[in-house]
Amino acid sequence: MSHEMTPKAHFEQELGVISYLDLQKFFAKGIVLMAAESLDMIEVAVAINEDDTQQVQSWVDAQLLIRANDDHARDWVETAAVFKAVTVAPWVLVQEVHVNDEELQAFQKEKKQ
């Protein structure tokens, strides 16, 4: 039996929560893609990973998937934004999450187990 993970399983395992501070270095490199809250992060990661150009382009056209810009970065600082994030080389795919500190700590604790 093979122990190789499917891309979907890999991204599900890699999905984590990061703050805007952790995201800044990636933003500075221009590699942050933002997914709208209506999108499934794992589905987007798999589509990018598999070069599903048609699907990715349809999200881009609908402005559901956009490259983070300076306006976004300013908003993140003001709101101390928190994101779900997963790396899909060379991109870092993020989706803003609206949680309180308790929920965030519970999620991070759960991820470490």
PDB file of N, CA and C in Angstrom:
ATOM      1  N   MET A   1       0.824  -1.192   0.000  1.00  0.00           N
ATOM      2  CA  MET A   1       0.000   0.000   0.000  1.00  0.00           C
ATOM      3  C   MET A   1       0.868   1.256   0.000  1.00  0.00           C
ATOM      4  N   SER A   2       0.527   2.207  -0.827  1.00  0.00           N
ATOM      5  CA  SER A   2       1.320   3.432  -0.937  1.00  0.00           C
ATOM      6  C   SER A   2       0.962   4.415   0.179  1.00  0.00           C
ATOM      7  N   HIS A   3       1.995   5.065   0.701  1.00  0.00           N
ATOM      8  CA  HIS A   3       1.767   6.066   1.739  1.00  0.00           C
ATOM      9  C   HIS A   3       1.764   7.472   1.168  1.00  0.00           C
ATOM     10  N   GLU A   4       1.848   7.575  -0.141  1.00  0.00           N
ATOM     11  CA  GLU A   4       1.862   8.897  -0.759  1.00  0.00           C
ATOM     12  C   GLU A   4       0.499   9.541  -0.591  1.00  0.00           C
ATOM     13  N   MET A   5       0.533  10.793  -0.163  1.00  0.00           N
ATOM     14  CA  MET A   5      -0.705  11.518   0.030  1.00  0.00           C
ATOM     15  C   MET A   5      -1.196  12.102  -1.285  1.00  0.00           C
ATOM     16  N   THR A   6      -2.484  12.188  -1.400  1.00  0.00           N
ATOM     17  CA  THR A   6      -3.043  12.912  -2.543  1.00  0.00           C
ATOM     18  C   THR A   6      -2.766  14.394  -2.305  1.00  0.00           C
ATOM     19  N   PRO A   7      -2.750  15.197  -3.373  1.00  0.00           N
ATOM     20  CA  PRO A   7      -2.568  16.640  -3.167  1.00  0.00           C
ATOM     21  C   PRO A   7      -3.608  17.200  -2.197  1.00  0.00           C
ATOM     22  N   LYS A   8      -4.851  16.714  -2.314  1.00  0.00           N
ATOM     23  CA  LYS A   8      -5.927  17.207  -1.441  1.00  0.00           C
ATOM     24  C   LYS A   8      -5.583  16.922   0.028  1.00  0.00           C
ATOM     25  N   ALA A   9      -5.163  15.704   0.328  1.00  0.00           N
ATOM     26  CA  ALA A   9      -4.819  15.329   1.703  1.00  0.00           C
ATOM     27  C   ALA A   9      -3.625  16.144   2.193  1.00  0.00           C
ATOM     28  N   HIS A  10      -2.655  16.346   1.310  1.00  0.00           N
ATOM     29  CA  HIS A  10      -1.472  17.129   1.656  1.00  0.00           C
ATOM     30  C   HIS A  10      -1.880  18.552   2.052  1.00  0.00           C
ATOM     31  N   PHE A  11      -2.715  19.193   1.235  1.00  0.00           N
ATOM     32  CA  PHE A  11      -3.125  20.565   1.529  1.00  0.00           C
ATOM     33  C   PHE A  11      -3.987  20.636   2.782  1.00  0.00           C
ATOM     34  N   GLU A  12      -4.820  19.612   2.994  1.00  0.00           N
ATOM     35  CA  GLU A  12      -5.640  19.593   4.219  1.00  0.00           C
ATOM     36  C   GLU A  12      -4.749  19.542   5.452  1.00  0.00           C
ATOM     37  N   GLN A  13      -3.659  18.779   5.346  1.00  0.00           N
ATOM     38  CA  GLN A  13      -2.734  18.657   6.474  1.00  0.00           C
ATOM     39  C   GLN A  13      -1.927  19.950   6.662  1.00  0.00           C
ATOM     40  N   GLU A  14      -1.576  20.600   5.549  1.00  0.00           N
ATOM     41  CA  GLU A  14      -0.738  21.800   5.596  1.00  0.00           C
ATOM     42  C   GLU A  14      -1.500  23.063   5.988  1.00  0.00           C
ATOM     43  N   LEU A  15      -2.813  23.045   5.820  1.00  0.00           N
ATOM     44  CA  LEU A  15      -3.613  24.236   6.093  1.00  0.00           C
ATOM     45  C   LEU A  15      -3.431  24.674   7.537  1.00  0.00           C
ATOM     46  N   GLY A  16      -3.088  25.936   7.702  1.00  0.00           N
ATOM     47  CA  GLY A  16      -2.879  26.443   9.053  1.00  0.00           C
ATOM     48  C   GLY A  16      -3.423  27.843   9.187  1.00  0.00           C
ATOM     49  N   VAL A  17      -3.253  28.404  10.366  1.00  0.00           N
ATOM     50  CA  VAL A  17      -3.709  29.769  10.618  1.00  0.00           C
ATOM     51  C   VAL A  17      -2.488  30.626  10.895  1.00  0.00           C
ATOM     52  N   ILE A  18      -2.419  31.775  10.228  1.00  0.00           N
ATOM     53  CA  ILE A  18      -1.307  32.691  10.474  1.00  0.00           C
ATOM     54  C   ILE A  18      -1.843  34.111  10.622  1.00  0.00           C
ATOM     55  N   SER A  19      -1.082  34.940  11.281  1.00  0.00           N
ATOM     56  CA  SER A  19      -1.470  36.333  11.444  1.00  0.00           C
ATOM     57  C   SER A  19      -0.883  37.158  10.313  1.00  0.00           C
ATOM     58  N   TYR A  20      -1.356  38.384  10.189  1.00  0.00           N
ATOM     59  CA  TYR A  20      -0.840  39.267   9.139  1.00  0.00           C
ATOM     60  C   TYR A  20       0.658  39.504   9.329  1.00  0.00           C
ATOM     61  N   LEU A  21       1.138  39.424  10.561  1.00  0.00           N
ATOM     62  CA  LEU A  21       2.579  39.620  10.805  1.00  0.00           C
ATOM     63  C   LEU A  21       3.384  38.505  10.142  1.00  0.00           C
ATOM     64  N   ASP A  22       2.884  37.275  10.260  1.00  0.00           N
ATOM     65  CA  ASP A  22       3.564  36.130   9.642  1.00  0.00           C
ATOM     66  C   ASP A  22       3.490  36.203   8.122  1.00  0.00           C
ATOM     67  N   LEU A  23       2.463  36.871   7.642  1.00  0.00           N
ATOM     68  CA  LEU A  23       2.232  36.942   6.202  1.00  0.00           C
ATOM     69  C   LEU A  23       3.080  38.016   5.523  1.00  0.00           C
ATOM     70  N   GLN A  24       3.563  38.989   6.297  1.00  0.00           N
ATOM     71  CA  GLN A  24       4.247  40.146   5.709  1.00  0.00           C
ATOM     72  C   GLN A  24       5.427  39.782   4.820  1.00  0.00           C
ATOM     73  N   LYS A  25       6.237  38.808   5.245  1.00  0.00           N
ATOM     74  CA  LYS A  25       7.420  38.466   4.431  1.00  0.00           C
ATOM     75  C   LYS A  25       7.011  37.891   3.078  1.00  0.00           C
ATOM     76  N   PHE A  26       5.894  37.149   3.049  1.00  0.00           N
ATOM     77  CA  PHE A  26       5.418  36.592   1.780  1.00  0.00           C
ATOM     78  C   PHE A  26       4.805  37.690   0.915  1.00  0.00           C
ATOM     79  N   PHE A  27       4.088  38.598   1.586  1.00  0.00           N
ATOM     80  CA  PHE A  27       3.501  39.724   0.861  1.00  0.00           C
ATOM     81  C   PHE A  27       4.599  40.555   0.199  1.00  0.00           C
ATOM     82  N   ALA A  28       5.694  40.767   0.929  1.00  0.00           N
ATOM     83  CA  ALA A  28       6.813  41.557   0.405  1.00  0.00           C
ATOM     84  C   ALA A  28       7.391  40.925  -0.861  1.00  0.00           C
ATOM     85  N   LYS A  29       7.320  39.594  -0.948  1.00  0.00           N
ATOM     86  CA  LYS A  29       7.821  38.886  -2.142  1.00  0.00           C
ATOM     87  C   LYS A  29       6.795  38.874  -3.276  1.00  0.00           C
ATOM     88  N   GLY A  30       5.567  39.344  -2.980  1.00  0.00           N
ATOM     89  CA  GLY A  30       4.529  39.378  -4.010  1.00  0.00           C
ATOM     90  C   GLY A  30       3.941  38.024  -4.350  1.00  0.00           C
ATOM     91  N   ILE A  31       3.937  37.113  -3.376  1.00  0.00           N
ATOM     92  CA  ILE A  31       3.475  35.754  -3.669  1.00  0.00           C
ATOM     93  C   ILE A  31       2.206  35.372  -2.911  1.00  0.00           C
ATOM     94  N   VAL A  32       1.476  36.370  -2.416  1.00  0.00           N
ATOM     95  CA  VAL A  32       0.264  36.068  -1.654  1.00  0.00           C
ATOM     96  C   VAL A  32      -0.968  36.158  -2.559  1.00  0.00           C
ATOM     97  N   LEU A  33      -1.717  35.065  -2.614  1.00  0.00           N
ATOM     98  CA  LEU A  33      -2.994  35.040  -3.330  1.00  0.00           C
ATOM     99  C   LEU A  33      -4.106  34.977  -2.291  1.00  0.00           C
ATOM    100  N   MET A  34      -5.112  35.815  -2.462  1.00  0.00           N
ATOM    101  CA  MET A  34      -6.230  35.824  -1.529  1.00  0.00           C
ATOM    102  C   MET A  34      -7.446  35.158  -2.150  1.00  0.00           C
ATOM    103  N   ALA A  35      -8.010  34.209  -1.416  1.00  0.00           N
ATOM    104  CA  ALA A  35      -9.232  33.536  -1.861  1.00  0.00           C
ATOM    105  C   ALA A  35     -10.415  34.158  -1.123  1.00  0.00           C
ATOM    106  N   ALA A  36     -11.493  34.380  -1.856  1.00  0.00           N
ATOM    107  CA  ALA A  36     -12.715  34.910  -1.241  1.00  0.00           C
ATOM    108  C   ALA A  36     -13.234  33.918  -0.207  1.00  0.00           C
ATOM    109  N   GLU A  37     -13.970  34.440   0.770  1.00  0.00           N
ATOM    110  CA  GLU A  37     -14.496  33.572   1.833  1.00  0.00           C
ATOM    111  C   GLU A  37     -15.438  32.500   1.303  1.00  0.00           C
ATOM    112  N   SER A  38     -16.013  32.742   0.129  1.00  0.00           N
ATOM    113  CA  SER A  38     -16.961  31.774  -0.440  1.00  0.00           C
ATOM    114  C   SER A  38     -16.264  30.564  -1.065  1.00  0.00           C
ATOM    115  N   LEU A  39     -14.952  30.661  -1.263  1.00  0.00           N
ATOM    116  CA  LEU A  39     -14.219  29.551  -1.899  1.00  0.00           C
ATOM    117  C   LEU A  39     -13.718  28.554  -0.862  1.00  0.00           C
ATOM    118  N   ASP A  40     -13.596  27.307  -1.299  1.00  0.00           N
ATOM    119  CA  ASP A  40     -13.011  26.253  -0.476  1.00  0.00           C
ATOM    120  C   ASP A  40     -11.497  26.294  -0.703  1.00  0.00           C
ATOM    121  N   MET A  41     -10.763  26.592   0.353  1.00  0.00           N
ATOM    122  CA  MET A  41      -9.303  26.752   0.247  1.00  0.00           C
ATOM    123  C   MET A  41      -8.624  25.522  -0.361  1.00  0.00           C
ATOM    124  N   ILE A  42      -9.049  24.349   0.058  1.00  0.00           N
ATOM    125  CA  ILE A  42      -8.411  23.118  -0.412  1.00  0.00           C
ATOM    126  C   ILE A  42      -8.668  22.941  -1.910  1.00  0.00           C
ATOM    127  N   GLU A  43      -9.894  23.217  -2.319  1.00  0.00           N
ATOM    128  CA  GLU A  43     -10.256  23.116  -3.736  1.00  0.00           C
ATOM    129  C   GLU A  43      -9.392  24.072  -4.574  1.00  0.00           C
ATOM    130  N   VAL A  44      -9.203  25.290  -4.076  1.00  0.00           N
ATOM    131  CA  VAL A  44      -8.391  26.279  -4.788  1.00  0.00           C
ATOM    132  C   VAL A  44      -6.934  25.809  -4.856  1.00  0.00           C
ATOM    133  N   ALA A  45      -6.406  25.318  -3.732  1.00  0.00           N
ATOM    134  CA  ALA A  45      -5.019  24.844  -3.682  1.00  0.00           C
ATOM    135  C   ALA A  45      -4.796  23.708  -4.678  1.00  0.00           C
ATOM    136  N   VAL A  46      -5.728  22.764  -4.734  1.00  0.00           N
ATOM    137  CA  VAL A  46      -5.604  21.634  -5.657  1.00  0.00           C
ATOM    138  C   VAL A  46      -5.645  22.133  -7.106  1.00  0.00           C
ATOM    139  N   ALA A  47      -6.555  23.061  -7.408  1.00  0.00           N
ATOM    140  CA  ALA A  47      -6.669  23.586  -8.776  1.00  0.00           C
ATOM    141  C   ALA A  47      -5.381  24.288  -9.201  1.00  0.00           C
ATOM    142  N   ILE A  48      -4.795  25.076  -8.301  1.00  0.00           N
ATOM    143  CA  ILE A  48      -3.534  25.765  -8.623  1.00  0.00           C
ATOM    144  C   ILE A  48      -2.424  24.734  -8.803  1.00  0.00           C
ATOM    145  N   ASN A  49      -2.368  23.776  -7.892  1.00  0.00           N
ATOM    146  CA  ASN A  49      -1.345  22.737  -7.929  1.00  0.00           C
ATOM    147  C   ASN A  49      -1.407  21.920  -9.220  1.00  0.00           C
ATOM    148  N   GLU A  50      -2.621  21.660  -9.698  1.00  0.00           N
ATOM    149  CA  GLU A  50      -2.788  20.830 -10.884  1.00  0.00           C
ATOM    150  C   GLU A  50      -2.861  21.642 -12.171  1.00  0.00           C
ATOM    151  N   ASP A  51      -2.533  22.938 -12.070  1.00  0.00           N
ATOM    152  CA  ASP A  51      -2.563  23.832 -13.246  1.00  0.00           C
ATOM    153  C   ASP A  51      -3.906  23.800 -13.963  1.00  0.00           C
ATOM    154  N   ASP A  52      -4.976  23.805 -13.181  1.00  0.00           N
ATOM    155  CA  ASP A  52      -6.322  23.846 -13.764  1.00  0.00           C
ATOM    156  C   ASP A  52      -6.612  25.301 -14.156  1.00  0.00           C
ATOM    157  N   THR A  53      -5.981  25.709 -15.254  1.00  0.00           N
ATOM    158  CA  THR A  53      -6.008  27.107 -15.682  1.00  0.00           C
ATOM    159  C   THR A  53      -7.425  27.640 -15.854  1.00  0.00           C
ATOM    160  N   GLN A  54      -8.278  26.826 -16.424  1.00  0.00           N
ATOM    161  CA  GLN A  54      -9.651  27.266 -16.685  1.00  0.00           C
ATOM    162  C   GLN A  54     -10.373  27.602 -15.377  1.00  0.00           C
ATOM    163  N   GLN A  55     -10.274  26.717 -14.394  1.00  0.00           N
ATOM    164  CA  GLN A  55     -10.942  26.943 -13.106  1.00  0.00           C
ATOM    165  C   GLN A  55     -10.342  28.149 -12.394  1.00  0.00           C
ATOM    166  N   VAL A  56      -9.010  28.200 -12.333  1.00  0.00           N
ATOM    167  CA  VAL A  56      -8.327  29.303 -11.647  1.00  0.00           C
ATOM    168  C   VAL A  56      -8.695  30.630 -12.315  1.00  0.00           C
ATOM    169  N   GLN A  57      -8.674  30.643 -13.639  1.00  0.00           N
ATOM    170  CA  GLN A  57      -9.000  31.879 -14.367  1.00  0.00           C
ATOM    171  C   GLN A  57     -10.439  32.317 -14.100  1.00  0.00           C
ATOM    172  N   SER A  58     -11.348  31.371 -13.962  1.00  0.00           N
ATOM    173  CA  SER A  58     -12.743  31.741 -13.695  1.00  0.00           C
ATOM    174  C   SER A  58     -12.864  32.416 -12.320  1.00  0.00           C
ATOM    175  N   TRP A  59     -12.086  31.942 -11.329  1.00  0.00           N
ATOM    176  CA  TRP A  59     -12.083  32.598 -10.010  1.00  0.00           C
ATOM    177  C   TRP A  59     -11.465  33.984 -10.104  1.00  0.00           C
ATOM    178  N   VAL A  60     -10.380  34.092 -10.871  1.00  0.00           N
ATOM    179  CA  VAL A  60      -9.711  35.392 -11.047  1.00  0.00           C
ATOM    180  C   VAL A  60     -10.667  36.371 -11.733  1.00  0.00           C
ATOM    181  N   ASP A  61     -11.326  35.917 -12.794  1.00  0.00           N
ATOM    182  CA  ASP A  61     -12.267  36.767 -13.531  1.00  0.00           C
ATOM    183  C   ASP A  61     -13.405  37.259 -12.631  1.00  0.00           C
ATOM    184  N   ALA A  62     -13.832  36.391 -11.728  1.00  0.00           N
ATOM    185  CA  ALA A  62     -14.928  36.744 -10.817  1.00  0.00           C
ATOM    186  C   ALA A  62     -14.412  37.510  -9.589  1.00  0.00           C
ATOM    187  N   GLN A  63     -13.115  37.785  -9.567  1.00  0.00           N
ATOM    188  CA  GLN A  63     -12.435  38.462  -8.451  1.00  0.00           C
ATOM    189  C   GLN A  63     -12.613  37.709  -7.125  1.00  0.00           C
ATOM    190  N   LEU A  64     -12.670  36.397  -7.233  1.00  0.00           N
ATOM    191  CA  LEU A  64     -12.731  35.547  -6.046  1.00  0.00           C
ATOM    192  C   LEU A  64     -11.328  35.114  -5.625  1.00  0.00           C
ATOM    193  N   LEU A  65     -10.394  35.242  -6.559  1.00  0.00           N
ATOM    194  CA  LEU A  65      -9.003  34.899  -6.291  1.00  0.00           C
ATOM    195  C   LEU A  65      -8.163  36.057  -6.809  1.00  0.00           C
ATOM    196  N   ILE A  66      -7.507  36.769  -5.887  1.00  0.00           N
ATOM    197  CA  ILE A  66      -6.746  37.952  -6.282  1.00  0.00           C
ATOM    198  C   ILE A  66      -5.384  37.983  -5.604  1.00  0.00           C
ATOM    199  N   ARG A  67      -4.468  38.669  -6.256  1.00  0.00           N
ATOM    200  CA  ARG A  67      -3.150  38.845  -5.680  1.00  0.00           C
ATOM    201  C   ARG A  67      -3.229  39.979  -4.660  1.00  0.00           C
ATOM    202  N   ALA A  68      -2.709  39.739  -3.481  1.00  0.00           N
ATOM    203  CA  ALA A  68      -2.775  40.745  -2.416  1.00  0.00           C
ATOM    204  C   ALA A  68      -2.020  42.006  -2.847  1.00  0.00           C
ATOM    205  N   ASN A  69      -2.583  43.163  -2.521  1.00  0.00           N
ATOM    206  CA  ASN A  69      -1.930  44.425  -2.859  1.00  0.00           C
ATOM    207  C   ASN A  69      -1.733  45.298  -1.617  1.00  0.00           C
ATOM    208  N   ASP A  70      -1.169  46.479  -1.809  1.00  0.00           N
ATOM    209  CA  ASP A  70      -0.855  47.360  -0.677  1.00  0.00           C
ATOM    210  C   ASP A  70      -2.085  47.747   0.136  1.00  0.00           C
ATOM    211  N   ASP A  71      -3.218  47.925  -0.542  1.00  0.00           N
ATOM    212  CA  ASP A  71      -4.445  48.273   0.190  1.00  0.00           C
ATOM    213  C   ASP A  71      -4.833  47.153   1.150  1.00  0.00           C
ATOM    214  N   HIS A  72      -4.701  45.924   0.665  1.00  0.00           N
ATOM    215  CA  HIS A  72      -4.998  44.778   1.534  1.00  0.00           C
ATOM    216  C   HIS A  72      -4.080  44.801   2.754  1.00  0.00           C
ATOM    217  N   ALA A  73      -2.793  44.992   2.493  1.00  0.00           N
ATOM    218  CA  ALA A  73      -1.802  44.966   3.568  1.00  0.00           C
ATOM    219  C   ALA A  73      -2.114  46.030   4.630  1.00  0.00           C
ATOM    220  N   ARG A  74      -2.508  47.214   4.186  1.00  0.00           N
ATOM    221  CA  ARG A  74      -2.864  48.279   5.142  1.00  0.00           C
ATOM    222  C   ARG A  74      -4.068  47.865   5.994  1.00  0.00           C
ATOM    223  N   ASP A  75      -5.063  47.273   5.348  1.00  0.00           N
ATOM    224  CA  ASP A  75      -6.252  46.808   6.075  1.00  0.00           C
ATOM    225  C   ASP A  75      -5.884  45.750   7.114  1.00  0.00           C
ATOM    226  N   TRP A  76      -4.993  44.827   6.715  1.00  0.00           N
ATOM    227  CA  TRP A  76      -4.601  43.753   7.635  1.00  0.00           C
ATOM    228  C   TRP A  76      -3.973  44.315   8.897  1.00  0.00           C
ATOM    229  N   VAL A  77      -3.126  45.323   8.726  1.00  0.00           N
ATOM    230  CA  VAL A  77      -2.455  45.924   9.880  1.00  0.00           C
ATOM    231  C   VAL A  77      -3.498  46.581  10.780  1.00  0.00           C
ATOM    232  N   GLU A  78      -4.410  47.332  10.176  1.00  0.00           N
ATOM    233  CA  GLU A  78      -5.441  48.026  10.955  1.00  0.00           C
ATOM    234  C   GLU A  78      -6.350  47.074  11.709  1.00  0.00           C
ATOM    235  N   THR A  79      -6.674  45.950  11.078  1.00  0.00           N
ATOM    236  CA  THR A  79      -7.632  45.019  11.685  1.00  0.00           C
ATOM    237  C   THR A  79      -6.947  43.847  12.392  1.00  0.00           C
ATOM    238  N   ALA A  80      -5.604  43.831  12.385  1.00  0.00           N
ATOM    239  CA  ALA A  80      -4.843  42.705  12.944  1.00  0.00           C
ATOM    240  C   ALA A  80      -5.410  41.384  12.397  1.00  0.00           C
ATOM    241  N   ALA A  81      -5.467  41.313  11.090  1.00  0.00           N
ATOM    242  CA  ALA A  81      -6.123  40.190  10.401  1.00  0.00           C
ATOM    243  C   ALA A  81      -5.453  38.850  10.681  1.00  0.00           C
ATOM    244  N   VAL A  82      -6.285  37.819  10.593  1.00  0.00           N
ATOM    245  CA  VAL A  82      -5.846  36.432  10.766  1.00  0.00           C
ATOM    246  C   VAL A  82      -6.313  35.670   9.529  1.00  0.00           C
ATOM    247  N   PHE A  83      -5.501  34.717   9.088  1.00  0.00           N
ATOM    248  CA  PHE A  83      -5.787  34.007   7.847  1.00  0.00           C
ATOM    249  C   PHE A  83      -5.633  32.512   7.990  1.00  0.00           C
ATOM    250  N   LYS A  84      -6.421  31.796   7.197  1.00  0.00           N
ATOM    251  CA  LYS A  84      -6.117  30.396   6.930  1.00  0.00           C
ATOM    252  C   LYS A  84      -5.122  30.475   5.793  1.00  0.00           C
ATOM    253  N   ALA A  85      -4.100  29.661   5.814  1.00  0.00           N
ATOM    254  CA  ALA A  85      -3.079  29.732   4.776  1.00  0.00           C
ATOM    255  C   ALA A  85      -2.565  28.348   4.434  1.00  0.00           C
ATOM    256  N   VAL A  86      -2.192  28.214   3.160  1.00  0.00           N
ATOM    257  CA  VAL A  86      -1.560  26.985   2.699  1.00  0.00           C
ATOM    258  C   VAL A  86      -0.612  27.370   1.563  1.00  0.00           C
ATOM    259  N   THR A  87       0.536  26.726   1.532  1.00  0.00           N
ATOM    260  CA  THR A  87       1.506  27.019   0.481  1.00  0.00           C
ATOM    261  C   THR A  87       1.242  26.132  -0.723  1.00  0.00           C
ATOM    262  N   VAL A  88       1.118  26.781  -1.879  1.00  0.00           N
ATOM    263  CA  VAL A  88       1.004  26.072  -3.155  1.00  0.00           C
ATOM    264  C   VAL A  88       2.091  26.695  -4.011  1.00  0.00           C
ATOM    265  N   ALA A  89       3.294  26.128  -3.914  1.00  0.00           N
ATOM    266  CA  ALA A  89       4.466  26.753  -4.525  1.00  0.00           C
ATOM    267  C   ALA A  89       4.181  27.237  -5.937  1.00  0.00           C
ATOM    268  N   PRO A  90       4.603  28.443  -6.293  1.00  0.00           N
ATOM    269  CA  PRO A  90       5.362  29.392  -5.469  1.00  0.00           C
ATOM    270  C   PRO A  90       4.474  30.312  -4.633  1.00  0.00           C
ATOM    271  N   TRP A  91       3.187  30.066  -4.610  1.00  0.00           N
ATOM    272  CA  TRP A  91       2.243  30.963  -3.942  1.00  0.00           C
ATOM    273  C   TRP A  91       1.980  30.594  -2.490  1.00  0.00           C
ATOM    274  N   VAL A  92       1.549  31.596  -1.737  1.00  0.00           N
ATOM    275  CA  VAL A  92       0.961  31.355  -0.432  1.00  0.00           C
ATOM    276  C   VAL A  92      -0.498  31.774  -0.581  1.00  0.00           C
ATOM    277  N   LEU A  93      -1.376  30.804  -0.455  1.00  0.00           N
ATOM    278  CA  LEU A  93      -2.803  31.034  -0.618  1.00  0.00           C
ATOM    279  C   LEU A  93      -3.406  31.340   0.744  1.00  0.00           C
ATOM    280  N   VAL A  94      -4.122  32.462   0.851  1.00  0.00           N
ATOM    281  CA  VAL A  94      -4.699  32.838   2.143  1.00  0.00           C
ATOM    282  C   VAL A  94      -6.179  33.164   1.999  1.00  0.00           C
ATOM    283  N   GLN A  95      -6.850  33.068   3.121  1.00  0.00           N
ATOM    284  CA  GLN A  95      -8.260  33.431   3.202  1.00  0.00           C
ATOM    285  C   GLN A  95      -8.453  34.044   4.576  1.00  0.00           C
ATOM    286  N   GLU A  96      -8.969  35.259   4.598  1.00  0.00           N
ATOM    287  CA  GLU A  96      -9.144  35.929   5.888  1.00  0.00           C
ATOM    288  C   GLU A  96     -10.205  35.195   6.698  1.00  0.00           C
ATOM    289  N   VAL A  97      -9.924  35.038   7.979  1.00  0.00           N
ATOM    290  CA  VAL A  97     -10.903  34.411   8.870  1.00  0.00           C
ATOM    291  C   VAL A  97     -11.255  35.412   9.962  1.00  0.00           C
ATOM    292  N   HIS A  98     -12.488  35.350  10.378  1.00  0.00           N
ATOM    293  CA  HIS A  98     -12.943  36.268  11.418  1.00  0.00           C
ATOM    294  C   HIS A  98     -13.233  35.445  12.660  1.00  0.00           C
ATOM    295  N   VAL A  99     -12.228  35.395  13.527  1.00  0.00           N
ATOM    296  CA  VAL A  99     -12.353  34.619  14.759  1.00  0.00           C
ATOM    297  C   VAL A  99     -11.859  35.467  15.919  1.00  0.00           C
ATOM    298  N   ASN A 100     -12.299  35.113  17.103  1.00  0.00           N
ATOM    299  CA  ASN A 100     -11.749  35.802  18.272  1.00  0.00           C
ATOM    300  C   ASN A 100     -10.513  35.044  18.749  1.00  0.00           C
ATOM    301  N   ASP A 101      -9.776  35.628  19.666  1.00  0.00           N
ATOM    302  CA  ASP A 101      -8.511  35.039  20.125  1.00  0.00           C
ATOM    303  C   ASP A 101      -8.687  33.635  20.696  1.00  0.00           C
ATOM    304  N   GLU A 102      -9.774  33.425  21.421  1.00  0.00           N
ATOM    305  CA  GLU A 102     -10.007  32.104  22.017  1.00  0.00           C
ATOM    306  C   GLU A 102     -10.158  31.030  20.941  1.00  0.00           C
ATOM    307  N   GLU A 103     -10.943  31.348  19.923  1.00  0.00           N
ATOM    308  CA  GLU A 103     -11.147  30.390  18.835  1.00  0.00           C
ATOM    309  C   GLU A 103      -9.832  30.107  18.117  1.00  0.00           C
ATOM    310  N   LEU A 104      -9.049  31.159  17.918  1.00  0.00           N
ATOM    311  CA  LEU A 104      -7.770  31.019  17.234  1.00  0.00           C
ATOM    312  C   LEU A 104      -6.837  30.115  18.042  1.00  0.00           C
ATOM    313  N   GLN A 105      -6.747  30.351  19.334  1.00  0.00           N
ATOM    314  CA  GLN A 105      -5.866  29.539  20.179  1.00  0.00           C
ATOM    315  C   GLN A 105      -6.329  28.093  20.217  1.00  0.00           C
ATOM    316  N   ALA A 106      -7.632  27.880  20.247  1.00  0.00           N
ATOM    317  CA  ALA A 106      -8.172  26.510  20.256  1.00  0.00           C
ATOM    318  C   ALA A 106      -7.800  25.799  18.958  1.00  0.00           C
ATOM    319  N   PHE A 107      -7.915  26.506  17.840  1.00  0.00           N
ATOM    320  CA  PHE A 107      -7.590  25.911  16.548  1.00  0.00           C
ATOM    321  C   PHE A 107      -6.108  25.571  16.477  1.00  0.00           C
ATOM    322  N   GLN A 108      -5.255  26.490  16.912  1.00  0.00           N
ATOM    323  CA  GLN A 108      -3.810  26.249  16.853  1.00  0.00           C
ATOM    324  C   GLN A 108      -3.415  25.088  17.751  1.00  0.00           C
ATOM    325  N   LYS A 109      -4.042  24.988  18.921  1.00  0.00           N
ATOM    326  CA  LYS A 109      -3.765  23.903  19.842  1.00  0.00           C
ATOM    327  C   LYS A 109      -4.156  22.567  19.205  1.00  0.00           C
ATOM    328  N   GLU A 110      -5.309  22.561  18.569  1.00  0.00           N
ATOM    329  CA  GLU A 110      -5.812  21.357  17.903  1.00  0.00           C
ATOM    330  C   GLU A 110      -4.873  20.914  16.783  1.00  0.00           C
ATOM    331  N   LYS A 111      -4.326  21.877  16.043  1.00  0.00           N
ATOM    332  CA  LYS A 111      -3.425  21.563  14.933  1.00  0.00           C
ATOM    333  C   LYS A 111      -2.118  20.930  15.418  1.00  0.00           C
ATOM    334  N   LYS A 112      -1.689  21.277  16.624  1.00  0.00           N
ATOM    335  CA  LYS A 112      -0.394  20.806  17.136  1.00  0.00           C
ATOM    336  C   LYS A 112      -0.468  19.366  17.643  1.00  0.00           C
ATOM    337  N   GLN A 113      -1.656  18.884  17.955  1.00  0.00           N
ATOM    338  CA  GLN A 113      -1.793  17.547  18.535  1.00  0.00           C
ATOM    339  C   GLN A 113      -1.489  16.441  17.550  1.00  0.00           C
TER     340      GLN A 113
END
